[in-house]
Amino acid sequence: MTAQLIDGNALSQQLRAQVASRAAALKARGTTAGLAVILVGDNPASQVYVRNKVKACHDAGLHSVLEKYDASLTEAELLARVQALNNDPSIHGILVQLPLPAHIDDHKVIEAISPLKDVDGFHVASAGALMVGEVGFKACTPYGCMKMLESIGLKDLRGKHAVVIGRSNIVGKPMAMMLLAANATVTVTHSGTADLAHHTRQADIVVAAVGKRNVLTADMLKPGAVVIDVGMNRNDEGKLCGDVDFEGCKQVASYITPVPGGVGPMTITMLLVNTMEAAERAAGV
């Protein structure tokens, strides 16, 4: 068996085309969907991320504003800026790029964003809505993973057992909640879980989101399992790789996501989807 690739680039292009169509329709009604991105400090990776997010907005016909601030910006100043954007009717989504400088409380800033504009899906209200099945914004990376599963016919996961390796608030926990909402049986683990392979060998779907190379190897998989690799690491040659031993696992899995070209492109795409949805809600569409 050689696994089929779940092509994140191709799926992303399809979804972005849909966003562009929706953006054009909303603009014809007098509303341009708007996203504000705030970057504090000069973290090189964050600079790349925000640049890609702003470009994706422009390419899809959305209005975007990038606000850059020195790392010396105070927490009070950042909170005031977030509040101003909450009150700006031309902005439908607000994203504060993480990590923030050490003197700023990430959680306090995220909670200051209006739940109506929380297009990153990190607000407690968004997580709560997801938990009880109400309308809210889904965290972009796990949302992208769910869309990838849907693309291979796995939308209703009733009868499926999913294992999530990684317990972070950004990916692990919201990923588990979305899988549960899709009727899967879910086990949440991490890289230090005793006998991790015991859990993964029972899984129909394995989502690896640890940030550690080769946390999942071929001998840890049930034949035919679907593997979603959220990790982003560098191998010994300096090339991008995920959390999964791709070459080994693709010989056992039925479907697998590559790195790069898998989950990565989907994260920004789902940010566009969330922003579009926020704008449509604000416009009463």
Protein backbone atom coordinates (compact mmCIF):
# COMPACT_ATOMS: atom_id res chain seq x y z
CA MET A 1 0.00 0.00 0.00
CA THR A 2 1.16 3.50 -0.84
CA ALA A 3 -0.88 6.31 0.64
CA GLN A 4 -2.62 8.90 -1.49
CA LEU A 5 -1.56 12.46 -0.78
CA ILE A 6 -4.07 14.97 0.55
CA ASP A 7 -2.91 17.99 -1.43
CA GLY A 8 -3.30 21.06 0.76
CA ASN A 9 -2.22 23.40 -2.03
CA ALA A 10 -4.90 22.18 -4.44
CA LEU A 11 -7.67 22.15 -1.82
CA SER A 12 -6.60 25.58 -0.63
CA GLN A 13 -6.88 26.99 -4.16
CA GLN A 14 -10.42 25.62 -4.48
CA LEU A 15 -11.53 27.14 -1.19
CA ARG A 16 -9.85 30.48 -1.91
CA ALA A 17 -11.68 30.66 -5.24
CA GLN A 18 -14.94 30.20 -3.32
CA VAL A 19 -13.93 32.97 -0.89
CA ALA A 20 -13.16 35.29 -3.81
CA SER A 21 -16.58 34.62 -5.30
CA ARG A 22 -18.30 35.31 -1.98
CA ALA A 23 -16.21 38.46 -1.48
CA ALA A 24 -17.23 39.78 -4.89
CA ALA A 25 -20.90 39.08 -4.19
CA LEU A 26 -20.71 40.85 -0.83
CA LYS A 27 -18.88 43.80 -2.38
CA ALA A 28 -21.69 44.14 -4.92
CA ARG A 29 -24.00 44.60 -1.94
CA GLY A 30 -21.81 47.41 -0.61
CA THR A 31 -19.59 45.61 1.90
CA THR A 32 -15.90 44.75 1.50
CA ALA A 33 -14.75 42.07 3.93
CA GLY A 34 -11.92 43.45 6.06
CA LEU A 35 -9.19 41.82 8.14
CA ALA A 36 -6.83 43.64 10.51
CA VAL A 37 -3.54 41.92 11.36
CA ILE A 38 -1.44 43.20 14.26
CA LEU A 39 2.26 42.34 14.53
CA VAL A 40 4.21 43.34 17.63
CA GLY A 41 7.99 42.97 17.53
CA ASP A 42 10.33 41.65 14.84
CA ASN A 43 10.03 37.86 15.06
CA PRO A 44 11.20 36.71 11.59
CA ALA A 45 8.75 33.81 11.34
CA SER A 46 5.86 36.04 12.38
CA GLN A 47 6.81 38.57 9.73
CA VAL A 48 6.60 35.87 7.05
CA TYR A 49 3.26 34.61 8.38
CA VAL A 50 1.60 38.03 8.43
CA ARG A 51 2.95 38.91 5.00
CA ASN A 52 1.42 35.72 3.59
CA LYS A 53 -1.90 36.42 5.33
CA VAL A 54 -2.12 39.95 3.96
CA LYS A 55 -1.24 38.78 0.44
CA ALA A 56 -3.86 36.03 0.61
CA CYS A 57 -6.49 38.61 1.56
CA HIS A 58 -5.62 40.86 -1.35
CA ASP A 59 -5.58 37.94 -3.79
CA ALA A 60 -9.10 36.94 -2.69
CA GLY A 61 -10.50 40.46 -2.92
CA LEU A 62 -10.63 41.17 0.81
CA HIS A 63 -9.51 44.42 2.43
CA SER A 64 -6.60 43.95 4.83
CA VAL A 65 -4.78 46.23 7.23
CA LEU A 66 -1.37 45.33 8.65
CA GLU A 67 -0.38 47.19 11.78
CA LYS A 68 3.24 46.79 12.90
CA TYR A 69 4.47 47.89 16.31
CA ASP A 70 7.82 47.83 18.09
CA ALA A 71 8.33 45.21 20.78
CA SER A 72 8.26 48.05 23.31
CA LEU A 73 4.50 48.52 22.76
CA THR A 74 2.77 48.24 26.12
CA GLU A 75 -0.01 45.82 26.89
CA ALA A 76 -2.38 48.73 27.58
CA GLU A 77 -1.59 50.28 24.19
CA LEU A 78 -2.21 47.00 22.40
CA LEU A 79 -5.49 46.43 24.22
CA ALA A 80 -6.59 49.95 23.29
CA ARG A 81 -5.79 49.28 19.64
CA VAL A 82 -7.76 46.02 19.70
CA GLN A 83 -10.74 47.85 21.20
CA ALA A 84 -10.58 50.48 18.46
CA LEU A 85 -10.66 47.74 15.82
CA ASN A 86 -13.58 46.09 17.62
CA ASN A 87 -15.47 49.34 17.06
CA ASP A 88 -14.40 49.80 13.42
CA PRO A 89 -17.26 48.69 11.11
CA SER A 90 -14.88 48.30 8.14
CA ILE A 91 -12.97 45.56 9.98
CA HIS A 92 -14.73 42.20 10.28
CA GLY A 93 -11.83 40.09 11.53
CA ILE A 94 -8.96 40.81 13.93
CA LEU A 95 -5.83 38.71 14.17
CA VAL A 96 -3.05 39.42 16.67
CA GLN A 97 0.00 37.44 15.57
CA LEU A 98 1.47 35.22 18.28
CA PRO A 99 3.82 34.99 20.05
CA LEU A 100 3.69 38.42 21.65
CA PRO A 101 6.59 39.98 23.63
CA ALA A 102 6.98 38.52 27.12
CA HIS A 103 5.56 41.57 28.88
CA ILE A 104 2.19 41.19 27.13
CA ASP A 105 -0.36 38.60 28.28
CA ASP A 106 -1.41 36.65 25.17
CA HIS A 107 -4.61 35.42 26.78
CA LYS A 108 -5.69 38.89 27.87
CA VAL A 109 -5.20 40.24 24.36
CA ILE A 110 -7.06 37.37 22.69
CA GLU A 111 -9.98 37.75 25.09
CA ALA A 112 -10.10 41.48 24.29
CA ILE A 113 -10.98 40.70 20.67
CA SER A 114 -14.73 40.76 20.04
CA PRO A 115 -16.03 37.18 19.56
CA LEU A 116 -17.75 38.54 16.44
CA LYS A 117 -14.31 39.32 14.97
CA ASP A 118 -12.28 36.44 16.43
CA VAL A 119 -11.40 34.92 13.06
CA ASP A 120 -8.41 33.07 14.54
CA GLY A 121 -10.89 31.13 16.69
CA PHE A 122 -8.89 31.45 19.91
CA HIS A 123 -11.40 33.34 22.08
CA VAL A 124 -13.00 31.43 24.95
CA ALA A 125 -16.41 32.23 23.44
CA SER A 126 -15.37 30.59 20.16
CA ALA A 127 -14.16 27.47 21.95
CA GLY A 128 -17.36 27.37 23.99
CA ALA A 129 -19.54 27.69 20.91
CA LEU A 130 -17.69 24.81 19.30
CA MET A 131 -18.14 22.68 22.42
CA VAL A 132 -21.93 23.08 22.50
CA GLY A 133 -22.55 23.17 18.75
CA GLU A 134 -23.41 26.86 18.50
CA VAL A 135 -22.30 29.26 15.77
CA GLY A 136 -18.75 30.48 16.29
CA PHE A 137 -15.37 30.63 14.62
CA LYS A 138 -13.22 27.51 14.40
CA ALA A 139 -9.47 27.71 15.03
CA CYS A 140 -7.87 27.89 11.59
CA THR A 141 -5.36 25.04 11.65
CA PRO A 142 -7.70 22.31 12.98
CA TYR A 143 -10.47 23.70 10.79
CA GLY A 144 -8.18 23.19 7.81
CA CYS A 145 -7.48 19.63 8.95
CA MET A 146 -11.20 18.92 9.08
CA LYS A 147 -11.64 20.27 5.54
CA MET A 148 -8.87 17.93 4.39
CA LEU A 149 -10.70 14.99 5.94
CA GLU A 150 -13.92 16.11 4.24
CA SER A 151 -12.08 16.23 0.90
CA ILE A 152 -11.48 12.46 1.09
CA GLY A 153 -15.07 11.71 2.09
CA LEU A 154 -14.64 11.77 5.86
CA LYS A 155 -17.17 14.34 7.05
CA ASP A 156 -19.31 12.30 9.41
CA LEU A 157 -16.78 10.34 11.47
CA ARG A 158 -19.28 8.17 13.29
CA GLY A 159 -17.60 4.84 14.06
CA LYS A 160 -14.11 6.26 13.50
CA HIS A 161 -11.43 6.43 16.19
CA ALA A 162 -9.13 9.46 16.00
CA VAL A 163 -5.94 10.02 17.99
CA VAL A 164 -4.59 13.54 18.39
CA ILE A 165 -0.92 13.73 19.37
CA GLY A 166 -0.56 17.16 20.95
CA ARG A 167 -2.55 18.93 23.65
CA SER A 168 -1.93 22.62 22.85
CA ASN A 169 -4.74 25.16 22.97
CA ILE A 170 -3.89 26.25 19.42
CA VAL A 171 -4.23 22.88 17.68
CA GLY A 172 -4.60 19.88 19.97
CA LYS A 173 -7.65 20.76 22.05
CA PRO A 174 -9.71 22.45 19.30
CA MET A 175 -8.78 19.60 16.93
CA ALA A 176 -10.16 17.10 19.44
CA MET A 177 -13.36 19.12 19.84
CA MET A 178 -13.91 19.34 16.08
CA LEU A 179 -13.39 15.60 15.70
CA LEU A 180 -15.87 14.98 18.50
CA ALA A 181 -18.35 17.32 16.81
CA ALA A 182 -17.97 15.17 13.68
CA ASN A 183 -19.01 12.13 15.78
CA ALA A 184 -15.56 10.52 16.08
CA THR A 185 -14.28 8.74 19.16
CA VAL A 186 -11.23 10.77 20.19
CA THR A 187 -8.13 10.07 22.25
CA VAL A 188 -5.83 13.00 23.05
CA THR A 189 -2.20 12.16 23.70
CA HIS A 190 1.19 13.85 23.56
CA SER A 191 4.77 12.90 22.74
CA GLY A 192 5.37 11.72 26.31
CA THR A 193 2.26 9.53 26.58
CA ALA A 194 3.17 6.07 27.90
CA ASP A 195 3.08 3.52 25.07
CA LEU A 196 1.89 6.07 22.52
CA ALA A 197 1.96 3.39 19.82
CA HIS A 198 -0.72 1.41 21.71
CA HIS A 199 -3.13 4.29 21.09
CA THR A 200 -2.11 5.14 17.53
CA ARG A 201 -2.34 1.53 16.33
CA GLN A 202 -6.05 1.58 17.17
CA ALA A 203 -6.73 4.81 15.28
CA ASP A 204 -8.45 5.26 11.94
CA ILE A 205 -7.19 8.87 11.91
CA VAL A 206 -4.00 10.18 13.49
CA VAL A 207 -3.33 13.91 13.79
CA ALA A 208 0.26 14.72 14.76
CA ALA A 209 0.66 18.25 16.16
CA VAL A 210 3.62 18.21 18.52
CA GLY A 211 6.47 20.02 16.76
CA LYS A 212 8.81 17.05 17.07
CA ARG A 213 10.26 15.05 14.19
CA ASN A 214 9.31 11.40 13.75
CA VAL A 215 6.87 11.34 16.64
CA LEU A 216 4.80 8.99 14.45
CA THR A 217 6.48 6.12 12.60
CA ALA A 218 5.16 3.37 10.34
CA ASP A 219 5.14 0.69 13.05
CA MET A 220 2.78 2.89 15.11
CA LEU A 221 0.03 2.87 12.46
CA LYS A 222 -2.92 0.64 11.74
CA PRO A 223 -2.87 -0.29 8.03
CA GLY A 224 -5.13 2.06 6.10
CA ALA A 225 -5.12 4.83 8.70
CA VAL A 226 -5.38 8.48 7.62
CA VAL A 227 -2.46 10.62 8.76
CA ILE A 228 -2.69 14.41 9.16
CA ASP A 229 0.71 15.99 9.84
CA VAL A 230 0.47 19.45 11.42
CA GLY A 231 4.14 19.63 12.43
CA MET A 232 6.67 22.04 10.96
CA ASN A 233 10.30 21.14 11.60
CA ARG A 234 13.66 20.96 9.81
CA ASN A 235 15.48 17.73 8.98
CA ASP A 236 19.24 17.20 9.16
CA GLU A 237 19.61 18.77 5.70
CA GLY A 238 17.67 21.84 6.74
CA LYS A 239 14.59 20.97 4.67
CA LEU A 240 11.06 21.39 5.99
CA CYS A 241 9.50 18.27 7.43
CA GLY A 242 6.62 17.42 9.73
CA ASP A 243 6.10 15.40 12.88
CA VAL A 244 5.57 12.20 10.88
CA ASP A 245 8.11 9.84 9.33
CA PHE A 246 6.57 10.52 5.92
CA GLU A 247 8.49 7.94 3.86
CA GLY A 248 7.69 5.14 6.28
CA CYS A 249 4.11 6.08 7.11
CA LYS A 250 3.05 6.49 3.50
CA GLN A 251 3.68 2.76 3.04
CA VAL A 252 1.06 1.93 5.69
CA ALA A 253 -1.50 4.76 5.59
CA SER A 254 -4.33 5.12 3.09
CA TYR A 255 -4.06 8.93 2.99
CA ILE A 256 -1.35 11.25 4.29
CA THR A 257 -0.62 14.98 4.21
CA PRO A 258 2.82 16.13 3.02
CA VAL A 259 5.02 18.79 4.59
CA PRO A 260 5.27 21.26 3.00
CA GLY A 261 2.10 21.49 0.91
CA GLY A 262 -0.31 19.89 3.34
CA VAL A 263 -1.87 21.54 6.37
CA GLY A 264 0.17 24.75 6.08
CA PRO A 265 -1.66 26.34 3.12
CA MET A 266 -4.99 25.42 4.68
CA THR A 267 -4.40 27.46 7.84
CA ILE A 268 -4.34 30.79 5.99
CA THR A 269 -7.20 29.67 3.76
CA MET A 270 -9.44 29.01 6.75
CA LEU A 271 -8.56 32.45 8.10
CA LEU A 272 -9.99 33.86 4.86
CA VAL A 273 -13.07 31.65 5.20
CA ASN A 274 -13.63 32.85 8.77
CA THR A 275 -13.15 36.51 7.80
CA MET A 276 -15.61 36.10 4.94
CA GLU A 277 -18.13 34.52 7.28
CA ALA A 278 -17.69 37.36 9.80
CA ALA A 279 -18.31 39.95 7.09
CA GLU A 280 -21.40 38.13 5.81
CA ARG A 281 -22.81 37.90 9.33
CA ALA A 282 -22.18 41.62 9.90
CA ALA A 283 -23.93 42.40 6.61
CA GLY A 284 -26.87 40.15 7.44
CA VAL A 285 -26.22 37.81 4.54
